[in-house]
PDB file of N, CA and C in Angstrom:
ATOM      1  N   MET A   1     -27.578 -87.641 -52.747  1.00  0.00           N
ATOM      2  CA  MET A   1     -28.646 -86.696 -52.499  1.00  0.00           C
ATOM      3  C   MET A   1     -28.745 -85.755 -53.698  1.00  0.00           C
ATOM      4  N   THR A   2     -29.937 -85.606 -54.203  1.00  0.00           N
ATOM      5  CA  THR A   2     -30.195 -84.700 -55.312  1.00  0.00           C
ATOM      6  C   THR A   2     -30.511 -83.318 -54.755  1.00  0.00           C
ATOM      7  N   THR A   3     -29.915 -82.297 -55.362  1.00  0.00           N
ATOM      8  CA  THR A   3     -30.184 -80.934 -54.932  1.00  0.00           C
ATOM      9  C   THR A   3     -30.713 -80.132 -56.116  1.00  0.00           C
ATOM     10  N   LYS A   4     -31.290 -78.982 -55.800  1.00  0.00           N
ATOM     11  CA  LYS A   4     -31.763 -78.088 -56.850  1.00  0.00           C
ATOM     12  C   LYS A   4     -31.468 -76.657 -56.443  1.00  0.00           C
ATOM     13  N   PRO A   5     -31.298 -75.778 -57.430  1.00  0.00           N
ATOM     14  CA  PRO A   5     -31.084 -74.365 -57.107  1.00  0.00           C
ATOM     15  C   PRO A   5     -32.364 -73.775 -56.543  1.00  0.00           C
ATOM     16  N   PHE A   6     -32.207 -72.874 -55.603  1.00  0.00           N
ATOM     17  CA  PHE A   6     -33.363 -72.300 -54.926  1.00  0.00           C
ATOM     18  C   PHE A   6     -33.034 -70.873 -54.517  1.00  0.00           C
ATOM     19  N   VAL A   7     -33.988 -69.980 -54.672  1.00  0.00           N
ATOM     20  CA  VAL A   7     -33.844 -68.594 -54.228  1.00  0.00           C
ATOM     21  C   VAL A   7     -34.964 -68.319 -53.243  1.00  0.00           C
ATOM     22  N   LEU A   8     -34.610 -67.856 -52.079  1.00  0.00           N
ATOM     23  CA  LEU A   8     -35.587 -67.555 -51.042  1.00  0.00           C
ATOM     24  C   LEU A   8     -35.430 -66.096 -50.640  1.00  0.00           C
ATOM     25  N   MET A   9     -36.495 -65.331 -50.775  1.00  0.00           N
ATOM     26  CA  MET A   9     -36.469 -63.901 -50.477  1.00  0.00           C
ATOM     27  C   MET A   9     -37.342 -63.622 -49.268  1.00  0.00           C
ATOM     28  N   PHE A  10     -36.974 -62.586 -48.513  1.00  0.00           N
ATOM     29  CA  PHE A  10     -37.700 -62.204 -47.316  1.00  0.00           C
ATOM     30  C   PHE A  10     -38.203 -60.773 -47.437  1.00  0.00           C
ATOM     31  N   LYS A  11     -39.353 -60.533 -46.872  1.00  0.00           N
ATOM     32  CA  LYS A  11     -39.901 -59.180 -46.829  1.00  0.00           C
ATOM     33  C   LYS A  11     -39.014 -58.286 -45.975  1.00  0.00           C
ATOM     34  N   ALA A  12     -39.065 -56.984 -46.208  1.00  0.00           N
ATOM     35  CA  ALA A  12     -38.241 -56.031 -45.461  1.00  0.00           C
ATOM     36  C   ALA A  12     -38.514 -56.109 -43.962  1.00  0.00           C
ATOM     37  N   SER A  13     -39.702 -56.509 -43.582  1.00  0.00           N
ATOM     38  CA  SER A  13     -40.072 -56.579 -42.167  1.00  0.00           C
ATOM     39  C   SER A  13     -39.518 -57.810 -41.453  1.00  0.00           C
ATOM     40  N   ALA A  14     -38.969 -58.759 -42.183  1.00  0.00           N
ATOM     41  CA  ALA A  14     -38.450 -59.978 -41.559  1.00  0.00           C
ATOM     42  C   ALA A  14     -37.176 -59.667 -40.779  1.00  0.00           C
ATOM     43  N   PRO A  15     -37.087 -60.138 -39.546  1.00  0.00           N
ATOM     44  CA  PRO A  15     -35.865 -59.907 -38.772  1.00  0.00           C
ATOM     45  C   PRO A  15     -34.694 -60.716 -39.340  1.00  0.00           C
ATOM     46  N   ALA A  16     -33.495 -60.174 -39.210  1.00  0.00           N
ATOM     47  CA  ALA A  16     -32.288 -60.854 -39.695  1.00  0.00           C
ATOM     48  C   ALA A  16     -32.143 -62.234 -39.062  1.00  0.00           C
ATOM     49  N   SER A  17     -32.583 -62.375 -37.820  1.00  0.00           N
ATOM     50  CA  SER A  17     -32.477 -63.675 -37.141  1.00  0.00           C
ATOM     51  C   SER A  17     -33.300 -64.745 -37.849  1.00  0.00           C
ATOM     52  N   GLU A  18     -34.417 -64.375 -38.439  1.00  0.00           N
ATOM     53  CA  GLU A  18     -35.233 -65.344 -39.166  1.00  0.00           C
ATOM     54  C   GLU A  18     -34.493 -65.834 -40.413  1.00  0.00           C
ATOM     55  N   ILE A  19     -33.859 -64.911 -41.119  1.00  0.00           N
ATOM     56  CA  ILE A  19     -33.078 -65.288 -42.298  1.00  0.00           C
ATOM     57  C   ILE A  19     -31.929 -66.198 -41.880  1.00  0.00           C
ATOM     58  N   ASP A  20     -31.246 -65.824 -40.818  1.00  0.00           N
ATOM     59  CA  ASP A  20     -30.141 -66.639 -40.305  1.00  0.00           C
ATOM     60  C   ASP A  20     -30.605 -68.045 -39.940  1.00  0.00           C
ATOM     61  N   ASN A  21     -31.790 -68.168 -39.370  1.00  0.00           N
ATOM     62  CA  ASN A  21     -32.327 -69.481 -39.010  1.00  0.00           C
ATOM     63  C   ASN A  21     -32.547 -70.358 -40.235  1.00  0.00           C
ATOM     64  N   TYR A  22     -33.046 -69.763 -41.323  1.00  0.00           N
ATOM     65  CA  TYR A  22     -33.261 -70.542 -42.542  1.00  0.00           C
ATOM     66  C   TYR A  22     -31.942 -70.905 -43.207  1.00  0.00           C
ATOM     67  N   VAL A  23     -30.963 -70.023 -43.160  1.00  0.00           N
ATOM     68  CA  VAL A  23     -29.630 -70.348 -43.673  1.00  0.00           C
ATOM     69  C   VAL A  23     -29.073 -71.548 -42.904  1.00  0.00           C
ATOM     70  N   ALA A  24     -29.195 -71.518 -41.592  1.00  0.00           N
ATOM     71  CA  ALA A  24     -28.705 -72.627 -40.761  1.00  0.00           C
ATOM     72  C   ALA A  24     -29.456 -73.922 -41.073  1.00  0.00           C
ATOM     73  N   GLU A  25     -30.752 -73.831 -41.270  1.00  0.00           N
ATOM     74  CA  GLU A  25     -31.559 -75.022 -41.563  1.00  0.00           C
ATOM     75  C   GLU A  25     -31.177 -75.629 -42.911  1.00  0.00           C
ATOM     76  N   VAL A  26     -30.971 -74.784 -43.915  1.00  0.00           N
ATOM     77  CA  VAL A  26     -30.564 -75.274 -45.229  1.00  0.00           C
ATOM     78  C   VAL A  26     -29.222 -76.005 -45.112  1.00  0.00           C
ATOM     79  N   THR A  27     -28.297 -75.408 -44.397  1.00  0.00           N
ATOM     80  CA  THR A  27     -26.982 -76.018 -44.215  1.00  0.00           C
ATOM     81  C   THR A  27     -27.087 -77.334 -43.442  1.00  0.00           C
ATOM     82  N   LYS A  28     -27.900 -77.338 -42.402  1.00  0.00           N
ATOM     83  CA  LYS A  28     -28.096 -78.540 -41.587  1.00  0.00           C
ATOM     84  C   LYS A  28     -28.649 -79.701 -42.419  1.00  0.00           C
ATOM     85  N   ARG A  29     -29.485 -79.367 -43.378  1.00  0.00           N
ATOM     86  CA  ARG A  29     -30.102 -80.402 -44.223  1.00  0.00           C
ATOM     87  C   ARG A  29     -29.231 -80.790 -45.425  1.00  0.00           C
ATOM     88  N   GLY A  30     -28.010 -80.266 -45.468  1.00  0.00           N
ATOM     89  CA  GLY A  30     -27.089 -80.657 -46.528  1.00  0.00           C
ATOM     90  C   GLY A  30     -27.023 -79.708 -47.706  1.00  0.00           C
ATOM     91  N   GLY A  31     -27.662 -78.568 -47.607  1.00  0.00           N
ATOM     92  CA  GLY A  31     -27.628 -77.588 -48.680  1.00  0.00           C
ATOM     93  C   GLY A  31     -26.391 -76.712 -48.606  1.00  0.00           C
ATOM     94  N   THR A  32     -26.171 -75.952 -49.657  1.00  0.00           N
ATOM     95  CA  THR A  32     -25.039 -75.040 -49.739  1.00  0.00           C
ATOM     96  C   THR A  32     -25.545 -73.646 -50.085  1.00  0.00           C
ATOM     97  N   ILE A  33     -25.219 -72.679 -49.253  1.00  0.00           N
ATOM     98  CA  ILE A  33     -25.595 -71.296 -49.518  1.00  0.00           C
ATOM     99  C   ILE A  33     -24.660 -70.753 -50.586  1.00  0.00           C
ATOM    100  N   ARG A  34     -25.222 -70.213 -51.644  1.00  0.00           N
ATOM    101  CA  ARG A  34     -24.420 -69.664 -52.748  1.00  0.00           C
ATOM    102  C   ARG A  34     -24.168 -68.175 -52.546  1.00  0.00           C
ATOM    103  N   GLN A  35     -25.211 -67.431 -52.202  1.00  0.00           N
ATOM    104  CA  GLN A  35     -25.064 -65.998 -52.013  1.00  0.00           C
ATOM    105  C   GLN A  35     -26.164 -65.491 -51.105  1.00  0.00           C
ATOM    106  N   ARG A  36     -25.788 -64.534 -50.239  1.00  0.00           N
ATOM    107  CA  ARG A  36     -26.782 -63.868 -49.383  1.00  0.00           C
ATOM    108  C   ARG A  36     -27.020 -62.476 -49.917  1.00  0.00           C
ATOM    109  N   PHE A  37     -28.246 -62.025 -49.783  1.00  0.00           N
ATOM    110  CA  PHE A  37     -28.640 -60.691 -50.218  1.00  0.00           C
ATOM    111  C   PHE A  37     -29.096 -59.928 -48.987  1.00  0.00           C
ATOM    112  N   ASN A  38     -28.403 -58.850 -48.641  1.00  0.00           N
ATOM    113  CA  ASN A  38     -28.690 -58.125 -47.407  1.00  0.00           C
ATOM    114  C   ASN A  38     -29.037 -56.655 -47.611  1.00  0.00           C
ATOM    115  N   ALA A  39     -29.372 -56.255 -48.822  1.00  0.00           N
ATOM    116  CA  ALA A  39     -29.743 -54.870 -49.067  1.00  0.00           C
ATOM    117  C   ALA A  39     -31.171 -54.631 -48.574  1.00  0.00           C
ATOM    118  N   ASP A  40     -31.522 -53.386 -48.334  1.00  0.00           N
ATOM    119  CA  ASP A  40     -32.877 -53.063 -47.885  1.00  0.00           C
ATOM    120  C   ASP A  40     -33.940 -53.531 -48.883  1.00  0.00           C
ATOM    121  N   PHE A  41     -33.610 -53.496 -50.155  1.00  0.00           N
ATOM    122  CA  PHE A  41     -34.580 -53.838 -51.190  1.00  0.00           C
ATOM    123  C   PHE A  41     -34.486 -55.298 -51.646  1.00  0.00           C
ATOM    124  N   LEU A  42     -33.498 -56.023 -51.161  1.00  0.00           N
ATOM    125  CA  LEU A  42     -33.289 -57.405 -51.581  1.00  0.00           C
ATOM    126  C   LEU A  42     -32.690 -58.196 -50.424  1.00  0.00           C
ATOM    127  N   ARG A  43     -33.520 -59.002 -49.775  1.00  0.00           N
ATOM    128  CA  ARG A  43     -33.079 -59.749 -48.595  1.00  0.00           C
ATOM    129  C   ARG A  43     -33.377 -61.224 -48.792  1.00  0.00           C
ATOM    130  N   GLY A  44     -32.373 -62.053 -48.576  1.00  0.00           N
ATOM    131  CA  GLY A  44     -32.570 -63.486 -48.710  1.00  0.00           C
ATOM    132  C   GLY A  44     -31.289 -64.179 -49.102  1.00  0.00           C
ATOM    133  N   PHE A  45     -31.438 -65.292 -49.832  1.00  0.00           N
ATOM    134  CA  PHE A  45     -30.257 -66.031 -50.252  1.00  0.00           C
ATOM    135  C   PHE A  45     -30.589 -66.972 -51.398  1.00  0.00           C
ATOM    136  N   SER A  46     -29.541 -67.352 -52.116  1.00  0.00           N
ATOM    137  CA  SER A  46     -29.655 -68.407 -53.115  1.00  0.00           C
ATOM    138  C   SER A  46     -28.861 -69.589 -52.591  1.00  0.00           C
ATOM    139  N   ALA A  47     -29.299 -70.782 -52.972  1.00  0.00           N
ATOM    140  CA  ALA A  47     -28.662 -71.981 -52.431  1.00  0.00           C
ATOM    141  C   ALA A  47     -28.908 -73.178 -53.334  1.00  0.00           C
ATOM    142  N   GLN A  48     -28.123 -74.218 -53.112  1.00  0.00           N
ATOM    143  CA  GLN A  48     -28.406 -75.553 -53.633  1.00  0.00           C
ATOM    144  C   GLN A  48     -29.016 -76.290 -52.448  1.00  0.00           C
ATOM    145  N   ILE A  49     -30.260 -76.707 -52.586  1.00  0.00           N
ATOM    146  CA  ILE A  49     -30.999 -77.305 -51.479  1.00  0.00           C
ATOM    147  C   ILE A  49     -31.407 -78.728 -51.858  1.00  0.00           C
ATOM    148  N   PRO A  50     -31.331 -79.660 -50.913  1.00  0.00           N
ATOM    149  CA  PRO A  50     -31.828 -81.008 -51.203  1.00  0.00           C
ATOM    150  C   PRO A  50     -33.257 -80.930 -51.764  1.00  0.00           C
ATOM    151  N   SER A  51     -33.493 -81.666 -52.829  1.00  0.00           N
ATOM    152  CA  SER A  51     -34.757 -81.568 -53.562  1.00  0.00           C
ATOM    153  C   SER A  51     -35.989 -81.740 -52.684  1.00  0.00           C
ATOM    154  N   GLU A  52     -35.970 -82.714 -51.808  1.00  0.00           N
ATOM    155  CA  GLU A  52     -37.136 -82.970 -50.956  1.00  0.00           C
ATOM    156  C   GLU A  52     -37.446 -81.768 -50.055  1.00  0.00           C
ATOM    157  N   TYR A  53     -36.396 -81.183 -49.465  1.00  0.00           N
ATOM    158  CA  TYR A  53     -36.586 -80.013 -48.606  1.00  0.00           C
ATOM    159  C   TYR A  53     -37.031 -78.810 -49.438  1.00  0.00           C
ATOM    160  N   ALA A  54     -36.433 -78.637 -50.607  1.00  0.00           N
ATOM    161  CA  ALA A  54     -36.816 -77.517 -51.483  1.00  0.00           C
ATOM    162  C   ALA A  54     -38.294 -77.602 -51.849  1.00  0.00           C
ATOM    163  N   ASP A  55     -38.755 -78.787 -52.197  1.00  0.00           N
ATOM    164  CA  ASP A  55     -40.161 -78.969 -52.566  1.00  0.00           C
ATOM    165  C   ASP A  55     -41.096 -78.665 -51.403  1.00  0.00           C
ATOM    166  N   SER A  56     -40.745 -79.135 -50.201  1.00  0.00           N
ATOM    167  CA  SER A  56     -41.611 -78.890 -49.039  1.00  0.00           C
ATOM    168  C   SER A  56     -41.586 -77.423 -48.634  1.00  0.00           C
ATOM    169  N   LEU A  57     -40.416 -76.790 -48.721  1.00  0.00           N
ATOM    170  CA  LEU A  57     -40.313 -75.374 -48.388  1.00  0.00           C
ATOM    171  C   LEU A  57     -41.094 -74.527 -49.384  1.00  0.00           C
ATOM    172  N   TYR A  58     -40.966 -74.837 -50.657  1.00  0.00           N
ATOM    173  CA  TYR A  58     -41.703 -74.109 -51.699  1.00  0.00           C
ATOM    174  C   TYR A  58     -43.206 -74.235 -51.472  1.00  0.00           C
ATOM    175  N   ALA A  59     -43.673 -75.436 -51.183  1.00  0.00           N
ATOM    176  CA  ALA A  59     -45.107 -75.650 -50.952  1.00  0.00           C
ATOM    177  C   ALA A  59     -45.583 -74.860 -49.733  1.00  0.00           C
ATOM    178  N   ALA A  60     -44.806 -74.861 -48.663  1.00  0.00           N
ATOM    179  CA  ALA A  60     -45.193 -74.136 -47.448  1.00  0.00           C
ATOM    180  C   ALA A  60     -45.258 -72.630 -47.696  1.00  0.00           C
ATOM    181  N   VAL A  61     -44.311 -72.103 -48.453  1.00  0.00           N
ATOM    182  CA  VAL A  61     -44.312 -70.670 -48.773  1.00  0.00           C
ATOM    183  C   VAL A  61     -45.528 -70.336 -49.640  1.00  0.00           C
ATOM    184  N   LYS A  62     -45.786 -71.156 -50.646  1.00  0.00           N
ATOM    185  CA  LYS A  62     -46.922 -70.907 -51.545  1.00  0.00           C
ATOM    186  C   LYS A  62     -48.258 -71.037 -50.803  1.00  0.00           C
ATOM    187  N   ASP A  63     -48.310 -71.862 -49.772  1.00  0.00           N
ATOM    188  CA  ASP A  63     -49.538 -72.039 -48.992  1.00  0.00           C
ATOM    189  C   ASP A  63     -49.708 -70.968 -47.917  1.00  0.00           C
ATOM    190  N   GLY A  64     -48.761 -70.041 -47.826  1.00  0.00           N
ATOM    191  CA  GLY A  64     -48.861 -68.950 -46.866  1.00  0.00           C
ATOM    192  C   GLY A  64     -48.434 -69.296 -45.453  1.00  0.00           C
ATOM    193  N   LYS A  65     -47.689 -70.370 -45.284  1.00  0.00           N
ATOM    194  CA  LYS A  65     -47.263 -70.787 -43.946  1.00  0.00           C
ATOM    195  C   LYS A  65     -46.059 -70.008 -43.434  1.00  0.00           C
ATOM    196  N   HIS A  66     -45.412 -69.257 -44.308  1.00  0.00           N
ATOM    197  CA  HIS A  66     -44.258 -68.441 -43.934  1.00  0.00           C
ATOM    198  C   HIS A  66     -44.538 -67.011 -44.407  1.00  0.00           C
ATOM    199  N   ASN A  67     -45.084 -66.195 -43.527  1.00  0.00           N
ATOM    200  CA  ASN A  67     -45.550 -64.864 -43.910  1.00  0.00           C
ATOM    201  C   ASN A  67     -44.451 -63.885 -44.302  1.00  0.00           C
ATOM    202  N   ASN A  68     -43.238 -64.075 -43.823  1.00  0.00           N
ATOM    203  CA  ASN A  68     -42.169 -63.116 -44.090  1.00  0.00           C
ATOM    204  C   ASN A  68     -41.325 -63.461 -45.304  1.00  0.00           C
ATOM    205  N   MET A  69     -41.649 -64.508 -46.014  1.00  0.00           N
ATOM    206  CA  MET A  69     -40.804 -64.889 -47.142  1.00  0.00           C
ATOM    207  C   MET A  69     -41.619 -65.185 -48.381  1.00  0.00           C
ATOM    208  N   TYR A  70     -40.900 -65.181 -49.497  1.00  0.00           N
ATOM    209  CA  TYR A  70     -41.510 -65.570 -50.755  1.00  0.00           C
ATOM    210  C   TYR A  70     -40.432 -66.178 -51.644  1.00  0.00           C
ATOM    211  N   VAL A  71     -40.881 -66.958 -52.612  1.00  0.00           N
ATOM    212  CA  VAL A  71     -39.988 -67.589 -53.564  1.00  0.00           C
ATOM    213  C   VAL A  71     -40.303 -66.983 -54.928  1.00  0.00           C
ATOM    214  N   PRO A  72     -39.335 -66.312 -55.548  1.00  0.00           N
ATOM    215  CA  PRO A  72     -39.585 -65.741 -56.876  1.00  0.00           C
ATOM    216  C   PRO A  72     -39.940 -66.865 -57.868  1.00  0.00           C
ATOM    217  N   GLU A  73     -41.133 -66.833 -58.391  1.00  0.00           N
ATOM    218  CA  GLU A  73     -41.642 -67.898 -59.241  1.00  0.00           C
ATOM    219  C   GLU A  73     -40.728 -68.169 -60.446  1.00  0.00           C
ATOM    220  N   ALA A  74     -40.324 -67.141 -61.129  1.00  0.00           N
ATOM    221  CA  ALA A  74     -39.509 -67.328 -62.338  1.00  0.00           C
ATOM    222  C   ALA A  74     -38.165 -67.969 -62.010  1.00  0.00           C
ATOM    223  N   LEU A  75     -37.572 -67.601 -60.891  1.00  0.00           N
ATOM    224  CA  LEU A  75     -36.268 -68.161 -60.535  1.00  0.00           C
ATOM    225  C   LEU A  75     -36.367 -69.596 -60.055  1.00  0.00           C
ATOM    226  N   THR A  76     -37.437 -69.927 -59.378  1.00  0.00           N
ATOM    227  CA  THR A  76     -37.601 -71.272 -58.823  1.00  0.00           C
ATOM    228  C   THR A  76     -37.919 -72.281 -59.921  1.00  0.00           C
ATOM    229  N   LYS A  77     -38.699 -71.884 -60.877  1.00  0.00           N
ATOM    230  CA  LYS A  77     -39.130 -72.816 -61.915  1.00  0.00           C
ATOM    231  C   LYS A  77     -38.145 -72.895 -63.083  1.00  0.00           C
ATOM    232  N   ALA A  78     -37.164 -72.019 -63.136  1.00  0.00           N
ATOM    233  CA  ALA A  78     -36.173 -72.047 -64.224  1.00  0.00           C
ATOM    234  C   ALA A  78     -35.323 -73.315 -64.123  1.00  0.00           C
ATOM    235  N   LYS A  79     -35.010 -73.890 -65.224  1.00  0.00           N
ATOM    236  CA  LYS A  79     -34.188 -75.116 -65.212  1.00  0.00           C
ATOM    237  C   LYS A  79     -32.842 -74.831 -65.829  1.00  0.00           C
TER     238      LYS A  79
END
């Protein structure tokens, strides 16, 4: 399975349970959480995510299907 680095950030209004659900989903799909960010100004996590899931998640976020999260463009596209 090919993985890629991924950073997923959440808006301050997102409940902690939503972040926890995405952490669990990433792990369930074979990803590895590298670091969680839980400060008021920085909420989310970095991970190694299976490429197929990362691509679909990125597309869904960019299409506005996940209102409480965003993917930092510079971090996601960095190689």
